[in-house]
Amino acid sequence: MARLWGEGGGGGVSSSSSSSPSSTSIWTTFLVESHRASLHTHRSAALRLESLEAQLRIASESNMLKTKENCILLDQLKQMQLYHERERKAFRDKLLDVVQS
């Protein structure tokens, strides 16, 4: 028990303190249980953080894929607009040729 509290100088309660053995035992139990609860809280928080990081990574990858898909669709739309514009111009030119002849 004296090793847990620190012997001699260096802080803590030494074996020569006026605490009774039962109060030392109570304090030791309290500190150990508090430490366990703290560790449990930290572990839970760490697991939650890992879970959130994984969710963020998945969402980010999904957004990147959606962004790529949107870029491809936008490019296809632009190409279709250019094709449609060329076709409209060709049709207008043919119509003008027919009207002028």
PDB file of N, CA and C in Angstrom:
ATOM      1  N   MET A   1       0.832  -1.191   0.000  1.00  0.00           N
ATOM      2  CA  MET A   1       0.000   0.000   0.000  1.00  0.00           C
ATOM      3  C   MET A   1       0.866   1.240   0.000  1.00  0.00           C
ATOM      4  N   ALA A   2       1.990   1.193   0.722  1.00  0.00           N
ATOM      5  CA  ALA A   2       2.852   2.370   0.819  1.00  0.00           C
ATOM      6  C   ALA A   2       3.425   2.708  -0.551  1.00  0.00           C
ATOM      7  N   ARG A   3       3.656   1.701  -1.409  1.00  0.00           N
ATOM      8  CA  ARG A   3       4.186   1.938  -2.735  1.00  0.00           C
ATOM      9  C   ARG A   3       3.183   2.697  -3.586  1.00  0.00           C
ATOM     10  N   LEU A   4       1.888   2.403  -3.448  1.00  0.00           N
ATOM     11  CA  LEU A   4       0.845   3.084  -4.202  1.00  0.00           C
ATOM     12  C   LEU A   4       0.813   4.557  -3.851  1.00  0.00           C
ATOM     13  N   TRP A   5       0.980   4.870  -2.613  1.00  0.00           N
ATOM     14  CA  TRP A   5       0.868   6.262  -2.155  1.00  0.00           C
ATOM     15  C   TRP A   5       2.191   6.992  -2.234  1.00  0.00           C
ATOM     16  N   GLY A   6       3.281   6.305  -2.354  1.00  0.00           N
ATOM     17  CA  GLY A   6       4.588   6.950  -2.397  1.00  0.00           C
ATOM     18  C   GLY A   6       5.216   6.935  -1.019  1.00  0.00           C
ATOM     19  N   GLU A   7       6.451   6.481  -0.916  1.00  0.00           N
ATOM     20  CA  GLU A   7       7.098   6.434   0.385  1.00  0.00           C
ATOM     21  C   GLU A   7       8.039   7.603   0.518  1.00  0.00           C
ATOM     22  N   GLY A   8       8.205   8.040   1.717  1.00  0.00           N
ATOM     23  CA  GLY A   8       9.143   9.113   1.989  1.00  0.00           C
ATOM     24  C   GLY A   8       8.635  10.442   1.452  1.00  0.00           C
ATOM     25  N   GLY A   9       9.484  11.214   0.882  1.00  0.00           N
ATOM     26  CA  GLY A   9       9.126  12.546   0.373  1.00  0.00           C
ATOM     27  C   GLY A   9       8.525  12.450  -1.010  1.00  0.00           C
ATOM     28  N   GLY A  10       8.260  13.134  -1.886  1.00  0.00           N
ATOM     29  CA  GLY A  10       7.718  12.889  -3.215  1.00  0.00           C
ATOM     30  C   GLY A  10       6.219  12.948  -3.286  1.00  0.00           C
ATOM     31  N   GLY A  11       5.550  13.428  -2.305  1.00  0.00           N
ATOM     32  CA  GLY A  11       4.108  13.587  -2.410  1.00  0.00           C
ATOM     33  C   GLY A  11       3.357  12.346  -2.022  1.00  0.00           C
ATOM     34  N   GLY A  12       2.095  12.452  -1.955  1.00  0.00           N
ATOM     35  CA  GLY A  12       1.251  11.336  -1.596  1.00  0.00           C
ATOM     36  C   GLY A  12       1.232  11.125  -0.104  1.00  0.00           C
ATOM     37  N   VAL A  13       0.653  10.024   0.298  1.00  0.00           N
ATOM     38  CA  VAL A  13       0.534   9.706   1.720  1.00  0.00           C
ATOM     39  C   VAL A  13       1.609   8.685   2.041  1.00  0.00           C
ATOM     40  N   SER A  14       2.376   8.920   3.054  1.00  0.00           N
ATOM     41  CA  SER A  14       3.411   7.959   3.423  1.00  0.00           C
ATOM     42  C   SER A  14       2.839   6.955   4.424  1.00  0.00           C
ATOM     43  N   SER A  15       3.617   5.920   4.644  1.00  0.00           N
ATOM     44  CA  SER A  15       3.154   4.890   5.563  1.00  0.00           C
ATOM     45  C   SER A  15       3.087   5.406   7.001  1.00  0.00           C
ATOM     46  N   SER A  16       3.707   6.531   7.277  1.00  0.00           N
ATOM     47  CA  SER A  16       3.680   7.037   8.645  1.00  0.00           C
ATOM     48  C   SER A  16       2.569   8.078   8.836  1.00  0.00           C
ATOM     49  N   SER A  17       1.635   8.200   7.891  1.00  0.00           N
ATOM     50  CA  SER A  17       0.567   9.193   8.036  1.00  0.00           C
ATOM     51  C   SER A  17      -0.387   8.777   9.135  1.00  0.00           C
ATOM     52  N   SER A  18      -1.193   9.715   9.554  1.00  0.00           N
ATOM     53  CA  SER A  18      -2.104   9.435  10.652  1.00  0.00           C
ATOM     54  C   SER A  18      -3.405   8.799  10.166  1.00  0.00           C
ATOM     55  N   SER A  19      -3.515   8.487   8.845  1.00  0.00           N
ATOM     56  CA  SER A  19      -4.728   7.862   8.328  1.00  0.00           C
ATOM     57  C   SER A  19      -4.855   6.452   8.870  1.00  0.00           C
ATOM     58  N   SER A  20      -6.053   6.081   9.139  1.00  0.00           N
ATOM     59  CA  SER A  20      -6.278   4.720   9.601  1.00  0.00           C
ATOM     60  C   SER A  20      -6.249   3.790   8.396  1.00  0.00           C
ATOM     61  N   PRO A  21      -5.963   2.511   8.612  1.00  0.00           N
ATOM     62  CA  PRO A  21      -5.924   1.568   7.490  1.00  0.00           C
ATOM     63  C   PRO A  21      -7.241   1.507   6.728  1.00  0.00           C
ATOM     64  N   SER A  22      -8.375   1.620   7.434  1.00  0.00           N
ATOM     65  CA  SER A  22      -9.658   1.521   6.737  1.00  0.00           C
ATOM     66  C   SER A  22      -9.898   2.749   5.861  1.00  0.00           C
ATOM     67  N   SER A  23      -9.493   3.955   6.306  1.00  0.00           N
ATOM     68  CA  SER A  23      -9.697   5.136   5.468  1.00  0.00           C
ATOM     69  C   SER A  23      -8.745   5.100   4.278  1.00  0.00           C
ATOM     70  N   THR A  24      -7.535   4.561   4.451  1.00  0.00           N
ATOM     71  CA  THR A  24      -6.602   4.407   3.334  1.00  0.00           C
ATOM     72  C   THR A  24      -7.186   3.442   2.318  1.00  0.00           C
ATOM     73  N   SER A  25      -7.763   2.370   2.802  1.00  0.00           N
ATOM     74  CA  SER A  25      -8.384   1.389   1.912  1.00  0.00           C
ATOM     75  C   SER A  25      -9.560   2.005   1.154  1.00  0.00           C
ATOM     76  N   ILE A  26     -10.339   2.802   1.834  1.00  0.00           N
ATOM     77  CA  ILE A  26     -11.472   3.468   1.180  1.00  0.00           C
ATOM     78  C   ILE A  26     -10.968   4.415   0.100  1.00  0.00           C
ATOM     79  N   TRP A  27      -9.943   5.209   0.434  1.00  0.00           N
ATOM     80  CA  TRP A  27      -9.386   6.139  -0.548  1.00  0.00           C
ATOM     81  C   TRP A  27      -8.764   5.402  -1.721  1.00  0.00           C
ATOM     82  N   THR A  28      -8.076   4.318  -1.429  1.00  0.00           N
ATOM     83  CA  THR A  28      -7.473   3.529  -2.504  1.00  0.00           C
ATOM     84  C   THR A  28      -8.561   2.992  -3.428  1.00  0.00           C
ATOM     85  N   THR A  29      -9.609   2.439  -2.844  1.00  0.00           N
ATOM     86  CA  THR A  29     -10.717   1.918  -3.639  1.00  0.00           C
ATOM     87  C   THR A  29     -11.358   3.033  -4.452  1.00  0.00           C
ATOM     88  N   PHE A  30     -11.571   4.170  -3.827  1.00  0.00           N
ATOM     89  CA  PHE A  30     -12.167   5.317  -4.531  1.00  0.00           C
ATOM     90  C   PHE A  30     -11.307   5.741  -5.719  1.00  0.00           C
ATOM     91  N   LEU A  31      -9.990   5.852  -5.489  1.00  0.00           N
ATOM     92  CA  LEU A  31      -9.091   6.283  -6.563  1.00  0.00           C
ATOM     93  C   LEU A  31      -9.029   5.259  -7.698  1.00  0.00           C
ATOM     94  N   VAL A  32      -8.971   3.979  -7.336  1.00  0.00           N
ATOM     95  CA  VAL A  32      -8.928   2.926  -8.357  1.00  0.00           C
ATOM     96  C   VAL A  32     -10.208   2.929  -9.181  1.00  0.00           C
ATOM     97  N   GLU A  33     -11.364   3.020  -8.517  1.00  0.00           N
ATOM     98  CA  GLU A  33     -12.643   3.032  -9.231  1.00  0.00           C
ATOM     99  C   GLU A  33     -12.797   4.299 -10.085  1.00  0.00           C
ATOM    100  N   SER A  34     -12.333   5.425  -9.554  1.00  0.00           N
ATOM    101  CA  SER A  34     -12.375   6.668 -10.337  1.00  0.00           C
ATOM    102  C   SER A  34     -11.510   6.548 -11.576  1.00  0.00           C
ATOM    103  N   HIS A  35     -10.339   5.939 -11.398  1.00  0.00           N
ATOM    104  CA  HIS A  35      -9.431   5.749 -12.538  1.00  0.00           C
ATOM    105  C   HIS A  35     -10.060   4.818 -13.574  1.00  0.00           C
ATOM    106  N   ARG A  36     -10.679   3.737 -13.116  1.00  0.00           N
ATOM    107  CA  ARG A  36     -11.353   2.810 -14.043  1.00  0.00           C
ATOM    108  C   ARG A  36     -12.473   3.502 -14.812  1.00  0.00           C
ATOM    109  N   ALA A  37     -13.264   4.293 -14.099  1.00  0.00           N
ATOM    110  CA  ALA A  37     -14.354   5.020 -14.754  1.00  0.00           C
ATOM    111  C   ALA A  37     -13.802   6.001 -15.778  1.00  0.00           C
ATOM    112  N   SER A  38     -12.715   6.665 -15.427  1.00  0.00           N
ATOM    113  CA  SER A  38     -12.085   7.613 -16.348  1.00  0.00           C
ATOM    114  C   SER A  38     -11.562   6.890 -17.590  1.00  0.00           C
ATOM    115  N   LEU A  39     -10.904   5.746 -17.376  1.00  0.00           N
ATOM    116  CA  LEU A  39     -10.413   4.968 -18.516  1.00  0.00           C
ATOM    117  C   LEU A  39     -11.562   4.511 -19.409  1.00  0.00           C
ATOM    118  N   HIS A  40     -12.646   4.060 -18.792  1.00  0.00           N
ATOM    119  CA  HIS A  40     -13.815   3.620 -19.563  1.00  0.00           C
ATOM    120  C   HIS A  40     -14.369   4.777 -20.394  1.00  0.00           C
ATOM    121  N   THR A  41     -14.460   5.955 -19.782  1.00  0.00           N
ATOM    122  CA  THR A  41     -14.960   7.136 -20.490  1.00  0.00           C
ATOM    123  C   THR A  41     -14.054   7.478 -21.663  1.00  0.00           C
ATOM    124  N   HIS A  42     -12.736   7.441 -21.432  1.00  0.00           N
ATOM    125  CA  HIS A  42     -11.791   7.758 -22.502  1.00  0.00           C
ATOM    126  C   HIS A  42     -11.847   6.725 -23.618  1.00  0.00           C
ATOM    127  N   ARG A  43     -11.958   5.450 -23.258  1.00  0.00           N
ATOM    128  CA  ARG A  43     -12.071   4.407 -24.280  1.00  0.00           C
ATOM    129  C   ARG A  43     -13.336   4.579 -25.106  1.00  0.00           C
ATOM    130  N   SER A  44     -14.437   4.861 -24.420  1.00  0.00           N
ATOM    131  CA  SER A  44     -15.701   5.078 -25.131  1.00  0.00           C
ATOM    132  C   SER A  44     -15.600   6.267 -26.080  1.00  0.00           C
ATOM    133  N   ALA A  45     -14.986   7.342 -25.610  1.00  0.00           N
ATOM    134  CA  ALA A  45     -14.822   8.531 -26.448  1.00  0.00           C
ATOM    135  C   ALA A  45     -13.908   8.221 -27.639  1.00  0.00           C
ATOM    136  N   ALA A  46     -12.852   7.455 -27.403  1.00  0.00           N
ATOM    137  CA  ALA A  46     -11.935   7.100 -28.490  1.00  0.00           C
ATOM    138  C   ALA A  46     -12.638   6.232 -29.535  1.00  0.00           C
ATOM    139  N   LEU A  47     -13.443   5.270 -29.079  1.00  0.00           N
ATOM    140  CA  LEU A  47     -14.190   4.431 -30.017  1.00  0.00           C
ATOM    141  C   LEU A  47     -15.197   5.244 -30.814  1.00  0.00           C
ATOM    142  N   ARG A  48     -15.864   6.162 -30.154  1.00  0.00           N
ATOM    143  CA  ARG A  48     -16.832   7.035 -30.836  1.00  0.00           C
ATOM    144  C   ARG A  48     -16.121   7.910 -31.870  1.00  0.00           C
ATOM    145  N   LEU A  49     -14.952   8.423 -31.509  1.00  0.00           N
ATOM    146  CA  LEU A  49     -14.174   9.239 -32.436  1.00  0.00           C
ATOM    147  C   LEU A  49     -13.748   8.423 -33.652  1.00  0.00           C
ATOM    148  N   GLU A  50     -13.291   7.198 -33.432  1.00  0.00           N
ATOM    149  CA  GLU A  50     -12.919   6.326 -34.549  1.00  0.00           C
ATOM    150  C   GLU A  50     -14.112   6.068 -35.452  1.00  0.00           C
ATOM    151  N   SER A  51     -15.274   5.839 -34.851  1.00  0.00           N
ATOM    152  CA  SER A  51     -16.493   5.602 -35.624  1.00  0.00           C
ATOM    153  C   SER A  51     -16.848   6.825 -36.463  1.00  0.00           C
ATOM    154  N   LEU A  52     -16.768   7.999 -35.858  1.00  0.00           N
ATOM    155  CA  LEU A  52     -17.079   9.231 -36.591  1.00  0.00           C
ATOM    156  C   LEU A  52     -16.080   9.474 -37.713  1.00  0.00           C
ATOM    157  N   GLU A  53     -14.802   9.180 -37.456  1.00  0.00           N
ATOM    158  CA  GLU A  53     -13.785   9.332 -38.502  1.00  0.00           C
ATOM    159  C   GLU A  53     -14.075   8.392 -39.673  1.00  0.00           C
ATOM    160  N   ALA A  54     -14.477   7.162 -39.380  1.00  0.00           N
ATOM    161  CA  ALA A  54     -14.806   6.206 -40.440  1.00  0.00           C
ATOM    162  C   ALA A  54     -16.022   6.688 -41.236  1.00  0.00           C
ATOM    163  N   GLN A  55     -17.033   7.182 -40.530  1.00  0.00           N
ATOM    164  CA  GLN A  55     -18.218   7.698 -41.220  1.00  0.00           C
ATOM    165  C   GLN A  55     -17.856   8.885 -42.113  1.00  0.00           C
ATOM    166  N   LEU A  56     -17.004   9.756 -41.612  1.00  0.00           N
ATOM    167  CA  LEU A  56     -16.569  10.919 -42.391  1.00  0.00           C
ATOM    168  C   LEU A  56     -15.787  10.475 -43.622  1.00  0.00           C
ATOM    169  N   ARG A  57     -14.914   9.492 -43.457  1.00  0.00           N
ATOM    170  CA  ARG A  57     -14.124   8.987 -44.581  1.00  0.00           C
ATOM    171  C   ARG A  57     -15.045   8.389 -45.651  1.00  0.00           C
ATOM    172  N   ILE A  58     -16.032   7.613 -45.223  1.00  0.00           N
ATOM    173  CA  ILE A  58     -16.978   7.008 -46.163  1.00  0.00           C
ATOM    174  C   ILE A  58     -17.783   8.087 -46.883  1.00  0.00           C
ATOM    175  N   ALA A  59     -18.271   9.074 -46.137  1.00  0.00           N
ATOM    176  CA  ALA A  59     -19.045  10.162 -46.743  1.00  0.00           C
ATOM    177  C   ALA A  59     -18.185  10.951 -47.719  1.00  0.00           C
ATOM    178  N   SER A  60     -16.932  11.173 -47.358  1.00  0.00           N
ATOM    179  CA  SER A  60     -16.026  11.916 -48.229  1.00  0.00           C
ATOM    180  C   SER A  60     -15.787  11.157 -49.534  1.00  0.00           C
ATOM    181  N   GLU A  61     -15.535   9.850 -49.413  1.00  0.00           N
ATOM    182  CA  GLU A  61     -15.332   9.032 -50.616  1.00  0.00           C
ATOM    183  C   GLU A  61     -16.590   9.012 -51.474  1.00  0.00           C
ATOM    184  N   SER A  62     -17.739   8.920 -50.841  1.00  0.00           N
ATOM    185  CA  SER A  62     -19.005   8.931 -51.571  1.00  0.00           C
ATOM    186  C   SER A  62     -19.192  10.258 -52.299  1.00  0.00           C
ATOM    187  N   ASN A  63     -18.878  11.359 -51.612  1.00  0.00           N
ATOM    188  CA  ASN A  63     -18.990  12.671 -52.239  1.00  0.00           C
ATOM    189  C   ASN A  63     -18.021  12.819 -53.398  1.00  0.00           C
ATOM    190  N   MET A  64     -16.822  12.256 -53.255  1.00  0.00           N
ATOM    191  CA  MET A  64     -15.852  12.328 -54.353  1.00  0.00           C
ATOM    192  C   MET A  64     -16.378  11.578 -55.564  1.00  0.00           C
ATOM    193  N   LEU A  65     -16.977  10.405 -55.328  1.00  0.00           N
ATOM    194  CA  LEU A  65     -17.545   9.641 -56.439  1.00  0.00           C
ATOM    195  C   LEU A  65     -18.692  10.398 -57.085  1.00  0.00           C
ATOM    196  N   LYS A  66     -19.552  10.996 -56.254  1.00  0.00           N
ATOM    197  CA  LYS A  66     -20.670  11.767 -56.786  1.00  0.00           C
ATOM    198  C   LYS A  66     -20.163  12.975 -57.564  1.00  0.00           C
ATOM    199  N   THR A  67     -19.105  13.605 -57.069  1.00  0.00           N
ATOM    200  CA  THR A  67     -18.525  14.743 -57.771  1.00  0.00           C
ATOM    201  C   THR A  67     -17.983  14.307 -59.123  1.00  0.00           C
ATOM    202  N   LYS A  68     -17.295  13.172 -59.155  1.00  0.00           N
ATOM    203  CA  LYS A  68     -16.785  12.652 -60.430  1.00  0.00           C
ATOM    204  C   LYS A  68     -17.941  12.346 -61.382  1.00  0.00           C
ATOM    205  N   GLU A  69     -18.982  11.700 -60.865  1.00  0.00           N
ATOM    206  CA  GLU A  69     -20.144  11.389 -61.696  1.00  0.00           C
ATOM    207  C   GLU A  69     -20.781  12.670 -62.226  1.00  0.00           C
ATOM    208  N   ASN A  70     -20.896  13.668 -61.364  1.00  0.00           N
ATOM    209  CA  ASN A  70     -21.483  14.941 -61.790  1.00  0.00           C
ATOM    210  C   ASN A  70     -20.625  15.618 -62.850  1.00  0.00           C
ATOM    211  N   CYS A  71     -19.316  15.542 -62.727  1.00  0.00           N
ATOM    212  CA  CYS A  71     -18.428  16.121 -63.734  1.00  0.00           C
ATOM    213  C   CYS A  71     -18.593  15.408 -65.070  1.00  0.00           C
ATOM    214  N   ILE A  72     -18.696  14.088 -65.019  1.00  0.00           N
ATOM    215  CA  ILE A  72     -18.899  13.315 -66.252  1.00  0.00           C
ATOM    216  C   ILE A  72     -20.232  13.695 -66.893  1.00  0.00           C
ATOM    217  N   LEU A  73     -21.284  13.763 -66.077  1.00  0.00           N
ATOM    218  CA  LEU A  73     -22.604  14.130 -66.614  1.00  0.00           C
ATOM    219  C   LEU A  73     -22.604  15.550 -67.168  1.00  0.00           C
ATOM    220  N   LEU A  74     -21.937  16.460 -66.488  1.00  0.00           N
ATOM    221  CA  LEU A  74     -21.848  17.838 -66.963  1.00  0.00           C
ATOM    222  C   LEU A  74     -21.107  17.894 -68.291  1.00  0.00           C
ATOM    223  N   ASP A  75     -20.025  17.134 -68.404  1.00  0.00           N
ATOM    224  CA  ASP A  75     -19.282  17.083 -69.665  1.00  0.00           C
ATOM    225  C   ASP A  75     -20.148  16.513 -70.783  1.00  0.00           C
ATOM    226  N   GLN A  76     -20.895  15.451 -70.482  1.00  0.00           N
ATOM    227  CA  GLN A  76     -21.794  14.873 -71.486  1.00  0.00           C
ATOM    228  C   GLN A  76     -22.864  15.875 -71.899  1.00  0.00           C
ATOM    229  N   LEU A  77     -23.395  16.606 -70.937  1.00  0.00           N
ATOM    230  CA  LEU A  77     -24.403  17.620 -71.253  1.00  0.00           C
ATOM    231  C   LEU A  77     -23.829  18.691 -72.166  1.00  0.00           C
ATOM    232  N   LYS A  78     -22.627  19.166 -71.871  1.00  0.00           N
ATOM    233  CA  LYS A  78     -21.991  20.174 -72.720  1.00  0.00           C
ATOM    234  C   LYS A  78     -21.775  19.646 -74.130  1.00  0.00           C
ATOM    235  N   GLN A  79     -21.328  18.406 -74.240  1.00  0.00           N
ATOM    236  CA  GLN A  79     -21.122  17.813 -75.564  1.00  0.00           C
ATOM    237  C   GLN A  79     -22.442  17.685 -76.314  1.00  0.00           C
ATOM    238  N   MET A  80     -23.505  17.297 -75.608  1.00  0.00           N
ATOM    239  CA  MET A  80     -24.821  17.199 -76.253  1.00  0.00           C
ATOM    240  C   MET A  80     -25.296  18.575 -76.708  1.00  0.00           C
ATOM    241  N   GLN A  81     -25.043  19.603 -75.895  1.00  0.00           N
ATOM    242  CA  GLN A  81     -25.437  20.964 -76.284  1.00  0.00           C
ATOM    243  C   GLN A  81     -24.673  21.413 -77.516  1.00  0.00           C
ATOM    244  N   LEU A  82     -23.374  21.122 -77.572  1.00  0.00           N
ATOM    245  CA  LEU A  82     -22.577  21.473 -78.748  1.00  0.00           C
ATOM    246  C   LEU A  82     -23.077  20.729 -79.987  1.00  0.00           C
ATOM    247  N   TYR A  83     -23.357  19.439 -79.838  1.00  0.00           N
ATOM    248  CA  TYR A  83     -23.875  18.648 -80.953  1.00  0.00           C
ATOM    249  C   TYR A  83     -25.213  19.217 -81.427  1.00  0.00           C
ATOM    250  N   HIS A  84     -26.094  19.505 -80.472  1.00  0.00           N
ATOM    251  CA  HIS A  84     -27.405  20.051 -80.814  1.00  0.00           C
ATOM    252  C   HIS A  84     -27.263  21.395 -81.519  1.00  0.00           C
ATOM    253  N   GLU A  85     -26.355  22.232 -81.049  1.00  0.00           N
ATOM    254  CA  GLU A  85     -26.120  23.533 -81.669  1.00  0.00           C
ATOM    255  C   GLU A  85     -25.601  23.368 -83.102  1.00  0.00           C
ATOM    256  N   ARG A  86     -24.668  22.428 -83.317  1.00  0.00           N
ATOM    257  CA  ARG A  86     -24.162  22.165 -84.676  1.00  0.00           C
ATOM    258  C   ARG A  86     -25.269  21.657 -85.588  1.00  0.00           C
ATOM    259  N   GLU A  87     -26.097  20.737 -85.052  1.00  0.00           N
ATOM    260  CA  GLU A  87     -27.206  20.199 -85.850  1.00  0.00           C
ATOM    261  C   GLU A  87     -28.205  21.301 -86.211  1.00  0.00           C
ATOM    262  N   ARG A  88     -28.499  22.173 -85.269  1.00  0.00           N
ATOM    263  CA  ARG A  88     -29.438  23.266 -85.516  1.00  0.00           C
ATOM    264  C   ARG A  88     -28.874  24.221 -86.578  1.00  0.00           C
ATOM    265  N   LYS A  89     -27.585  24.521 -86.474  1.00  0.00           N
ATOM    266  CA  LYS A  89     -26.939  25.398 -87.450  1.00  0.00           C
ATOM    267  C   LYS A  89     -26.949  24.743 -88.825  1.00  0.00           C
ATOM    268  N   ALA A  90     -26.636  23.436 -88.903  1.00  0.00           N
ATOM    269  CA  ALA A  90     -26.639  22.722 -90.184  1.00  0.00           C
ATOM    270  C   ALA A  90     -28.036  22.726 -90.790  1.00  0.00           C
ATOM    271  N   PHE A  91     -29.061  22.491 -89.956  1.00  0.00           N
ATOM    272  CA  PHE A  91     -30.436  22.495 -90.453  1.00  0.00           C
ATOM    273  C   PHE A  91     -30.821  23.882 -90.956  1.00  0.00           C
ATOM    274  N   ARG A  92     -30.446  24.926 -90.211  1.00  0.00           N
ATOM    275  CA  ARG A  92     -30.744  26.304 -90.620  1.00  0.00           C
ATOM    276  C   ARG A  92     -30.055  26.634 -91.939  1.00  0.00           C
ATOM    277  N   ASP A  93     -28.792  26.210 -92.075  1.00  0.00           N
ATOM    278  CA  ASP A  93     -28.062  26.456 -93.322  1.00  0.00           C
ATOM    279  C   ASP A  93     -28.730  25.749 -94.501  1.00  0.00           C
ATOM    280  N   LYS A  94     -29.168  24.493 -94.303  1.00  0.00           N
ATOM    281  CA  LYS A  94     -29.862  23.758 -95.371  1.00  0.00           C
ATOM    282  C   LYS A  94     -31.173  24.434 -95.720  1.00  0.00           C
ATOM    283  N   LEU A  95     -31.877  24.878 -94.713  1.00  0.00           N
ATOM    284  CA  LEU A  95     -33.156  25.559 -94.955  1.00  0.00           C
ATOM    285  C   LEU A  95     -32.940  26.851 -95.742  1.00  0.00           C
ATOM    286  N   LEU A  96     -31.910  27.607 -95.383  1.00  0.00           N
ATOM    287  CA  LEU A  96     -31.596  28.836 -96.124  1.00  0.00           C
ATOM    288  C   LEU A  96     -31.211  28.517 -97.561  1.00  0.00           C
ATOM    289  N   ASP A  97     -30.471  27.438 -97.775  1.00  0.00           N
ATOM    290  CA  ASP A  97     -30.100  27.022 -99.135  1.00  0.00           C
ATOM    291  C   ASP A  97     -31.347  26.699 -99.955  1.00  0.00           C
ATOM    292  N   VAL A  98     -32.296  25.992 -99.340  1.00  0.00           N
ATOM    293  CA  VAL A  98     -33.538  25.627-100.052  1.00  0.00           C
ATOM    294  C   VAL A  98     -34.336  26.879-100.371  1.00  0.00           C
ATOM    295  N   VAL A  99     -34.443  27.780 -99.418  1.00  0.00           N
ATOM    296  CA  VAL A  99     -35.233  29.004 -99.615  1.00  0.00           C
ATOM    297  C   VAL A  99     -34.565  29.889-100.657  1.00  0.00           C
ATOM    298  N   GLN A 100     -33.280  29.978-100.672  1.00  0.00           N
ATOM    299  CA  GLN A 100     -32.582  30.844-101.596  1.00  0.00           C
ATOM    300  C   GLN A 100     -32.509  30.275-103.018  1.00  0.00           C
ATOM    301  N   SER A 101     -32.694  28.986-103.191  1.00  0.00           N
ATOM    302  CA  SER A 101     -32.617  28.431-104.530  1.00  0.00           C
ATOM    303  C   SER A 101     -33.917  28.475-105.259  1.00  0.00           C
TER     304      SER A 101
END
